[in-house]
């Protein structure tokens, strides 16, 4: 995902579950704890491999996570 893709940012921000998860990943990334999340994700047998791969890809996209965090906080202030 591109951090300047407003459609992707809006889509994620409208899905409360995905938004909360991605914002949490942004916080973990900023705290240097994202590797633990990725390890726990990889060990979870309840999540299918495709979903794991998608989450891992987004989790490693620091620019997108920061853009999402800024977008969500900016739009919440406006509403």
PDB file of N, CA and C in Angstrom:
ATOM      1  N   UNK A   1       0.842  -1.177   0.000  1.00  0.00           N
ATOM      2  CA  UNK A   1       0.000   0.000   0.000  1.00  0.00           C
ATOM      3  C   UNK A   1       0.885   1.236   0.000  1.00  0.00           C
ATOM      4  N   UNK A   2       0.400   2.252  -0.653  1.00  0.00           N
ATOM      5  CA  UNK A   2       1.147   3.508  -0.690  1.00  0.00           C
ATOM      6  C   UNK A   2       0.601   4.440   0.379  1.00  0.00           C
ATOM      7  N   UNK A   3       1.491   5.157   1.071  1.00  0.00           N
ATOM      8  CA  UNK A   3       1.020   6.064   2.130  1.00  0.00           C
ATOM      9  C   UNK A   3       0.217   7.244   1.599  1.00  0.00           C
ATOM     10  N   UNK A   4       0.278   7.507   0.284  1.00  0.00           N
ATOM     11  CA  UNK A   4      -0.489   8.613  -0.282  1.00  0.00           C
ATOM     12  C   UNK A   4      -1.770   8.127  -0.963  1.00  0.00           C
ATOM     13  N   UNK A   5      -2.119   6.865  -0.767  1.00  0.00           N
ATOM     14  CA  UNK A   5      -3.318   6.276  -1.351  1.00  0.00           C
ATOM     15  C   UNK A   5      -4.501   6.560  -0.434  1.00  0.00           C
ATOM     16  N   UNK A   6      -5.166   7.685  -0.678  1.00  0.00           N
ATOM     17  CA  UNK A   6      -6.270   8.104   0.185  1.00  0.00           C
ATOM     18  C   UNK A   6      -7.413   7.097   0.203  1.00  0.00           C
ATOM     19  N   UNK A   7      -7.643   6.442  -0.912  1.00  0.00           N
ATOM     20  CA  UNK A   7      -8.723   5.455  -0.957  1.00  0.00           C
ATOM     21  C   UNK A   7      -8.419   4.289  -0.008  1.00  0.00           C
ATOM     22  N   UNK A   8      -7.181   3.817  -0.002  1.00  0.00           N
ATOM     23  CA  UNK A   8      -6.806   2.727   0.907  1.00  0.00           C
ATOM     24  C   UNK A   8      -6.894   3.185   2.357  1.00  0.00           C
ATOM     25  N   UNK A   9      -6.432   4.393   2.631  1.00  0.00           N
ATOM     26  CA  UNK A   9      -6.498   4.912   3.998  1.00  0.00           C
ATOM     27  C   UNK A   9      -7.943   5.028   4.462  1.00  0.00           C
ATOM     28  N   UNK A  10      -8.817   5.523   3.588  1.00  0.00           N
ATOM     29  CA  UNK A  10     -10.227   5.673   3.941  1.00  0.00           C
ATOM     30  C   UNK A  10     -10.890   4.308   4.125  1.00  0.00           C
ATOM     31  N   UNK A  11     -10.567   3.361   3.259  1.00  0.00           N
ATOM     32  CA  UNK A  11     -11.143   2.021   3.371  1.00  0.00           C
ATOM     33  C   UNK A  11     -10.772   1.382   4.697  1.00  0.00           C
ATOM     34  N   UNK A  12      -9.506   1.452   5.059  1.00  0.00           N
ATOM     35  CA  UNK A  12      -9.066   0.868   6.326  1.00  0.00           C
ATOM     36  C   UNK A  12      -9.705   1.603   7.497  1.00  0.00           C
ATOM     37  N   UNK A  13      -9.773   2.927   7.423  1.00  0.00           N
ATOM     38  CA  UNK A  13     -10.317   3.697   8.543  1.00  0.00           C
ATOM     39  C   UNK A  13     -11.801   3.435   8.756  1.00  0.00           C
ATOM     40  N   UNK A  14     -12.515   2.993   7.716  1.00  0.00           N
ATOM     41  CA  UNK A  14     -13.942   2.705   7.838  1.00  0.00           C
ATOM     42  C   UNK A  14     -14.222   1.315   8.419  1.00  0.00           C
ATOM     43  N   UNK A  15     -13.214   0.454   8.443  1.00  0.00           N
ATOM     44  CA  UNK A  15     -13.357  -0.886   9.008  1.00  0.00           C
ATOM     45  C   UNK A  15     -12.761  -0.840  10.408  1.00  0.00           C
ATOM     46  N   UNK A  16     -13.598  -0.781  11.407  1.00  0.00           N
ATOM     47  CA  UNK A  16     -13.141  -0.570  12.782  1.00  0.00           C
ATOM     48  C   UNK A  16     -12.150  -1.630  13.241  1.00  0.00           C
ATOM     49  N   UNK A  17     -12.397  -2.875  12.905  1.00  0.00           N
ATOM     50  CA  UNK A  17     -11.504  -3.953  13.336  1.00  0.00           C
ATOM     51  C   UNK A  17     -10.136  -3.817  12.682  1.00  0.00           C
ATOM     52  N   UNK A  18     -10.122  -3.638  11.368  1.00  0.00           N
ATOM     53  CA  UNK A  18      -8.846  -3.485  10.650  1.00  0.00           C
ATOM     54  C   UNK A  18      -8.125  -2.226  11.098  1.00  0.00           C
ATOM     55  N   UNK A  19      -8.855  -1.156  11.264  1.00  0.00           N
ATOM     56  CA  UNK A  19      -8.257   0.108  11.678  1.00  0.00           C
ATOM     57  C   UNK A  19      -7.600  -0.031  13.049  1.00  0.00           C
ATOM     58  N   UNK A  20      -8.298  -0.615  13.984  1.00  0.00           N
ATOM     59  CA  UNK A  20      -7.736  -0.809  15.322  1.00  0.00           C
ATOM     60  C   UNK A  20      -6.473  -1.668  15.271  1.00  0.00           C
ATOM     61  N   UNK A  21      -6.517  -2.732  14.476  1.00  0.00           N
ATOM     62  CA  UNK A  21      -5.358  -3.611  14.356  1.00  0.00           C
ATOM     63  C   UNK A  21      -4.176  -2.874  13.735  1.00  0.00           C
ATOM     64  N   UNK A  22      -4.407  -2.158  12.647  1.00  0.00           N
ATOM     65  CA  UNK A  22      -3.317  -1.451  11.977  1.00  0.00           C
ATOM     66  C   UNK A  22      -2.769  -0.322  12.840  1.00  0.00           C
ATOM     67  N   UNK A  23      -3.630   0.354  13.586  1.00  0.00           N
ATOM     68  CA  UNK A  23      -3.137   1.398  14.494  1.00  0.00           C
ATOM     69  C   UNK A  23      -2.298   0.783  15.606  1.00  0.00           C
ATOM     70  N   UNK A  24      -2.701  -0.386  16.075  1.00  0.00           N
ATOM     71  CA  UNK A  24      -1.908  -1.080  17.095  1.00  0.00           C
ATOM     72  C   UNK A  24      -0.550  -1.479  16.524  1.00  0.00           C
ATOM     73  N   UNK A  25      -0.549  -1.940  15.276  1.00  0.00           N
ATOM     74  CA  UNK A  25       0.713  -2.289  14.635  1.00  0.00           C
ATOM     75  C   UNK A  25       1.599  -1.052  14.503  1.00  0.00           C
ATOM     76  N   UNK A  26       1.017   0.094  14.214  1.00  0.00           N
ATOM     77  CA  UNK A  26       1.791   1.333  14.124  1.00  0.00           C
ATOM     78  C   UNK A  26       2.416   1.665  15.471  1.00  0.00           C
ATOM     79  N   UNK A  27       1.660   1.499  16.545  1.00  0.00           N
ATOM     80  CA  UNK A  27       2.189   1.753  17.885  1.00  0.00           C
ATOM     81  C   UNK A  27       3.319   0.783  18.222  1.00  0.00           C
ATOM     82  N   UNK A  28       3.124  -0.485  17.914  1.00  0.00           N
ATOM     83  CA  UNK A  28       4.160  -1.487  18.178  1.00  0.00           C
ATOM     84  C   UNK A  28       5.410  -1.201  17.366  1.00  0.00           C
ATOM     85  N   UNK A  29       5.216  -0.786  16.136  1.00  0.00           N
ATOM     86  CA  UNK A  29       6.353  -0.458  15.284  1.00  0.00           C
ATOM     87  C   UNK A  29       7.141   0.711  15.864  1.00  0.00           C
ATOM     88  N   UNK A  30       6.426   1.738  16.299  1.00  0.00           N
ATOM     89  CA  UNK A  30       7.072   2.904  16.893  1.00  0.00           C
ATOM     90  C   UNK A  30       7.806   2.574  18.183  1.00  0.00           C
ATOM     91  N   UNK A  31       7.341   1.558  18.896  1.00  0.00           N
ATOM     92  CA  UNK A  31       7.963   1.156  20.160  1.00  0.00           C
ATOM     93  C   UNK A  31       9.028   0.077  19.953  1.00  0.00           C
ATOM     94  N   UNK A  32       9.242  -0.321  18.709  1.00  0.00           N
ATOM     95  CA  UNK A  32      10.229  -1.348  18.425  1.00  0.00           C
ATOM     96  C   UNK A  32       9.800  -2.746  18.826  1.00  0.00           C
ATOM     97  N   UNK A  33       8.505  -2.978  18.934  1.00  0.00           N
ATOM     98  CA  UNK A  33       7.995  -4.269  19.392  1.00  0.00           C
ATOM     99  C   UNK A  33       7.232  -5.031  18.314  1.00  0.00           C
ATOM    100  N   UNK A  34       7.374  -4.618  17.074  1.00  0.00           N
ATOM    101  CA  UNK A  34       6.614  -5.248  16.007  1.00  0.00           C
ATOM    102  C   UNK A  34       7.074  -6.681  15.730  1.00  0.00           C
ATOM    103  N   UNK A  35       8.338  -6.970  15.949  1.00  0.00           N
ATOM    104  CA  UNK A  35       8.826  -8.339  15.713  1.00  0.00           C
ATOM    105  C   UNK A  35       8.105  -9.345  16.586  1.00  0.00           C
ATOM    106  N   UNK A  36       7.796  -8.989  17.809  1.00  0.00           N
ATOM    107  CA  UNK A  36       7.058  -9.884  18.706  1.00  0.00           C
ATOM    108  C   UNK A  36       5.666 -10.160  18.133  1.00  0.00           C
ATOM    109  N   UNK A  37       5.002  -9.111  17.640  1.00  0.00           N
ATOM    110  CA  UNK A  37       3.685  -9.267  17.026  1.00  0.00           C
ATOM    111  C   UNK A  37       3.773 -10.211  15.824  1.00  0.00           C
ATOM    112  N   UNK A  38       4.770  -9.999  14.971  1.00  0.00           N
ATOM    113  CA  UNK A  38       4.913 -10.836  13.782  1.00  0.00           C
ATOM    114  C   UNK A  38       5.197 -12.292  14.155  1.00  0.00           C
ATOM    115  N   UNK A  39       5.968 -12.510  15.200  1.00  0.00           N
ATOM    116  CA  UNK A  39       6.234 -13.873  15.658  1.00  0.00           C
ATOM    117  C   UNK A  39       4.946 -14.520  16.155  1.00  0.00           C
ATOM    118  N   UNK A  40       4.201 -13.816  16.993  1.00  0.00           N
ATOM    119  CA  UNK A  40       2.941 -14.361  17.519  1.00  0.00           C
ATOM    120  C   UNK A  40       1.955 -14.621  16.388  1.00  0.00           C
ATOM    121  N   UNK A  41       1.939 -13.740  15.400  1.00  0.00           N
ATOM    122  CA  UNK A  41       1.073 -13.929  14.241  1.00  0.00           C
ATOM    123  C   UNK A  41       1.456 -15.213  13.503  1.00  0.00           C
ATOM    124  N   UNK A  42       2.742 -15.415  13.296  1.00  0.00           N
ATOM    125  CA  UNK A  42       3.193 -16.596  12.558  1.00  0.00           C
ATOM    126  C   UNK A  42       2.900 -17.892  13.313  1.00  0.00           C
ATOM    127  N   UNK A  43       2.844 -17.828  14.637  1.00  0.00           N
ATOM    128  CA  UNK A  43       2.596 -19.013  15.456  1.00  0.00           C
ATOM    129  C   UNK A  43       1.111 -19.317  15.645  1.00  0.00           C
ATOM    130  N   UNK A  44       0.230 -18.412  15.253  1.00  0.00           N
ATOM    131  CA  UNK A  44      -1.198 -18.580  15.464  1.00  0.00           C
ATOM    132  C   UNK A  44      -1.783 -19.528  14.418  1.00  0.00           C
ATOM    133  N   UNK A  45      -2.270 -20.667  14.870  1.00  0.00           N
ATOM    134  CA  UNK A  45      -2.831 -21.668  13.967  1.00  0.00           C
ATOM    135  C   UNK A  45      -4.260 -21.347  13.530  1.00  0.00           C
ATOM    136  N   UNK A  46      -4.886 -20.364  14.143  1.00  0.00           N
ATOM    137  CA  UNK A  46      -6.269 -20.023  13.807  1.00  0.00           C
ATOM    138  C   UNK A  46      -6.358 -19.068  12.622  1.00  0.00           C
ATOM    139  N   UNK A  47      -5.228 -18.530  12.197  1.00  0.00           N
ATOM    140  CA  UNK A  47      -5.203 -17.577  11.088  1.00  0.00           C
ATOM    141  C   UNK A  47      -4.601 -18.268   9.874  1.00  0.00           C
ATOM    142  N   UNK A  48      -5.271 -18.138   8.730  1.00  0.00           N
ATOM    143  CA  UNK A  48      -4.804 -18.816   7.528  1.00  0.00           C
ATOM    144  C   UNK A  48      -3.539 -18.137   6.979  1.00  0.00           C
ATOM    145  N   UNK A  49      -2.748 -18.860   6.207  1.00  0.00           N
ATOM    146  CA  UNK A  49      -1.474 -18.339   5.704  1.00  0.00           C
ATOM    147  C   UNK A  49      -1.604 -17.063   4.862  1.00  0.00           C
ATOM    148  N   UNK A  50      -2.673 -16.947   4.088  1.00  0.00           N
ATOM    149  CA  UNK A  50      -2.857 -15.756   3.259  1.00  0.00           C
ATOM    150  C   UNK A  50      -3.070 -14.511   4.119  1.00  0.00           C
ATOM    151  N   UNK A  51      -3.873 -14.667   5.167  1.00  0.00           N
ATOM    152  CA  UNK A  51      -4.119 -13.547   6.078  1.00  0.00           C
ATOM    153  C   UNK A  51      -2.844 -13.184   6.820  1.00  0.00           C
ATOM    154  N   UNK A  52      -2.104 -14.182   7.260  1.00  0.00           N
ATOM    155  CA  UNK A  52      -0.831 -13.928   7.931  1.00  0.00           C
ATOM    156  C   UNK A  52       0.105 -13.134   7.022  1.00  0.00           C
ATOM    157  N   UNK A  53       0.189 -13.538   5.772  1.00  0.00           N
ATOM    158  CA  UNK A  53       1.073 -12.859   4.820  1.00  0.00           C
ATOM    159  C   UNK A  53       0.639 -11.416   4.597  1.00  0.00           C
ATOM    160  N   UNK A  54      -0.671 -11.200   4.494  1.00  0.00           N
ATOM    161  CA  UNK A  54      -1.170  -9.832   4.284  1.00  0.00           C
ATOM    162  C   UNK A  54      -0.863  -8.943   5.483  1.00  0.00           C
ATOM    163  N   UNK A  55      -1.104  -9.455   6.691  1.00  0.00           N
ATOM    164  CA  UNK A  55      -0.802  -8.672   7.894  1.00  0.00           C
ATOM    165  C   UNK A  55       0.687  -8.405   8.024  1.00  0.00           C
ATOM    166  N   UNK A  56       1.499  -9.396   7.718  1.00  0.00           N
ATOM    167  CA  UNK A  56       2.950  -9.222   7.806  1.00  0.00           C
ATOM    168  C   UNK A  56       3.422  -8.160   6.817  1.00  0.00           C
ATOM    169  N   UNK A  57       2.840  -8.157   5.624  1.00  0.00           N
ATOM    170  CA  UNK A  57       3.220  -7.161   4.617  1.00  0.00           C
ATOM    171  C   UNK A  57       2.879  -5.747   5.093  1.00  0.00           C
ATOM    172  N   UNK A  58       1.682  -5.571   5.605  1.00  0.00           N
ATOM    173  CA  UNK A  58       1.275  -4.251   6.097  1.00  0.00           C
ATOM    174  C   UNK A  58       2.111  -3.862   7.317  1.00  0.00           C
ATOM    175  N   UNK A  59       2.363  -4.809   8.202  1.00  0.00           N
ATOM    176  CA  UNK A  59       3.124  -4.527   9.415  1.00  0.00           C
ATOM    177  C   UNK A  59       4.525  -4.019   9.109  1.00  0.00           C
ATOM    178  N   UNK A  60       5.083  -4.459   8.001  1.00  0.00           N
ATOM    179  CA  UNK A  60       6.434  -4.048   7.646  1.00  0.00           C
ATOM    180  C   UNK A  60       6.457  -2.766   6.816  1.00  0.00           C
ATOM    181  N   UNK A  61       5.295  -2.236   6.503  1.00  0.00           N
ATOM    182  CA  UNK A  61       5.198  -0.997   5.720  1.00  0.00           C
ATOM    183  C   UNK A  61       5.035   0.179   6.677  1.00  0.00           C
ATOM    184  N   UNK A  62       6.124   0.589   7.282  1.00  0.00           N
ATOM    185  CA  UNK A  62       6.115   1.653   8.300  1.00  0.00           C
ATOM    186  C   UNK A  62       5.515   2.952   7.745  1.00  0.00           C
ATOM    187  N   UNK A  63       5.818   3.287   6.495  1.00  0.00           N
ATOM    188  CA  UNK A  63       5.300   4.527   5.902  1.00  0.00           C
ATOM    189  C   UNK A  63       3.773   4.499   5.845  1.00  0.00           C
ATOM    190  N   UNK A  64       3.209   3.360   5.456  1.00  0.00           N
ATOM    191  CA  UNK A  64       1.753   3.263   5.397  1.00  0.00           C
ATOM    192  C   UNK A  64       1.144   3.343   6.789  1.00  0.00           C
ATOM    193  N   UNK A  65       1.733   2.638   7.753  1.00  0.00           N
ATOM    194  CA  UNK A  65       1.195   2.656   9.120  1.00  0.00           C
ATOM    195  C   UNK A  65       1.217   4.073   9.693  1.00  0.00           C
ATOM    196  N   UNK A  66       2.292   4.806   9.452  1.00  0.00           N
ATOM    197  CA  UNK A  66       2.363   6.199   9.922  1.00  0.00           C
ATOM    198  C   UNK A  66       1.331   7.069   9.221  1.00  0.00           C
ATOM    199  N   UNK A  67       1.180   6.867   7.914  1.00  0.00           N
ATOM    200  CA  UNK A  67       0.188   7.638   7.162  1.00  0.00           C
ATOM    201  C   UNK A  67      -1.216   7.333   7.665  1.00  0.00           C
ATOM    202  N   UNK A  68      -1.495   6.067   7.939  1.00  0.00           N
ATOM    203  CA  UNK A  68      -2.814   5.686   8.455  1.00  0.00           C
ATOM    204  C   UNK A  68      -3.052   6.329   9.810  1.00  0.00           C
ATOM    205  N   UNK A  69      -2.054   6.271  10.665  1.00  0.00           N
ATOM    206  CA  UNK A  69      -2.175   6.867  11.993  1.00  0.00           C
ATOM    207  C   UNK A  69      -2.484   8.361  11.883  1.00  0.00           C
ATOM    208  N   UNK A  70      -1.754   9.066  11.038  1.00  0.00           N
ATOM    209  CA  UNK A  70      -1.998  10.498  10.824  1.00  0.00           C
ATOM    210  C   UNK A  70      -3.383  10.746  10.233  1.00  0.00           C
ATOM    211  N   UNK A  71      -3.763   9.924   9.252  1.00  0.00           N
ATOM    212  CA  UNK A  71      -5.057  10.083   8.590  1.00  0.00           C
ATOM    213  C   UNK A  71      -6.206   9.876   9.575  1.00  0.00           C
ATOM    214  N   UNK A  72      -6.132   8.809  10.356  1.00  0.00           N
ATOM    215  CA  UNK A  72      -7.211   8.506  11.304  1.00  0.00           C
ATOM    216  C   UNK A  72      -7.313   9.605  12.349  1.00  0.00           C
ATOM    217  N   UNK A  73      -6.186  10.017  12.908  1.00  0.00           N
ATOM    218  CA  UNK A  73      -6.225  11.062  13.923  1.00  0.00           C
ATOM    219  C   UNK A  73      -6.702  12.386  13.337  1.00  0.00           C
ATOM    220  N   UNK A  74      -6.295  12.675  12.117  1.00  0.00           N
ATOM    221  CA  UNK A  74      -6.729  13.905  11.445  1.00  0.00           C
ATOM    222  C   UNK A  74      -8.208  13.914  11.129  1.00  0.00           C
ATOM    223  N   UNK A  75      -8.726  12.793  10.668  1.00  0.00           N
ATOM    224  CA  UNK A  75     -10.153  12.754  10.329  1.00  0.00           C
ATOM    225  C   UNK A  75     -11.028  12.682  11.577  1.00  0.00           C
ATOM    226  N   UNK A  76     -10.532  12.094  12.642  1.00  0.00           N
ATOM    227  CA  UNK A  76     -11.325  12.051  13.886  1.00  0.00           C
ATOM    228  C   UNK A  76     -11.472  13.450  14.473  1.00  0.00           C
ATOM    229  N   UNK A  77     -10.453  14.270  14.321  1.00  0.00           N
ATOM    230  CA  UNK A  77     -10.509  15.642  14.814  1.00  0.00           C
ATOM    231  C   UNK A  77     -11.538  16.432  14.041  1.00  0.00           C
ATOM    232  N   UNK A  78     -11.645  16.167  12.729  1.00  0.00           N
ATOM    233  CA  UNK A  78     -12.577  16.897  11.881  1.00  0.00           C
ATOM    234  C   UNK A  78     -14.024  16.484  12.098  1.00  0.00           C
ATOM    235  N   UNK A  79     -14.239  15.259  12.579  1.00  0.00           N
ATOM    236  CA  UNK A  79     -15.628  14.781  12.751  1.00  0.00           C
ATOM    237  C   UNK A  79     -16.044  15.038  14.120  1.00  0.00           C
TER     238      UNK A  79
END
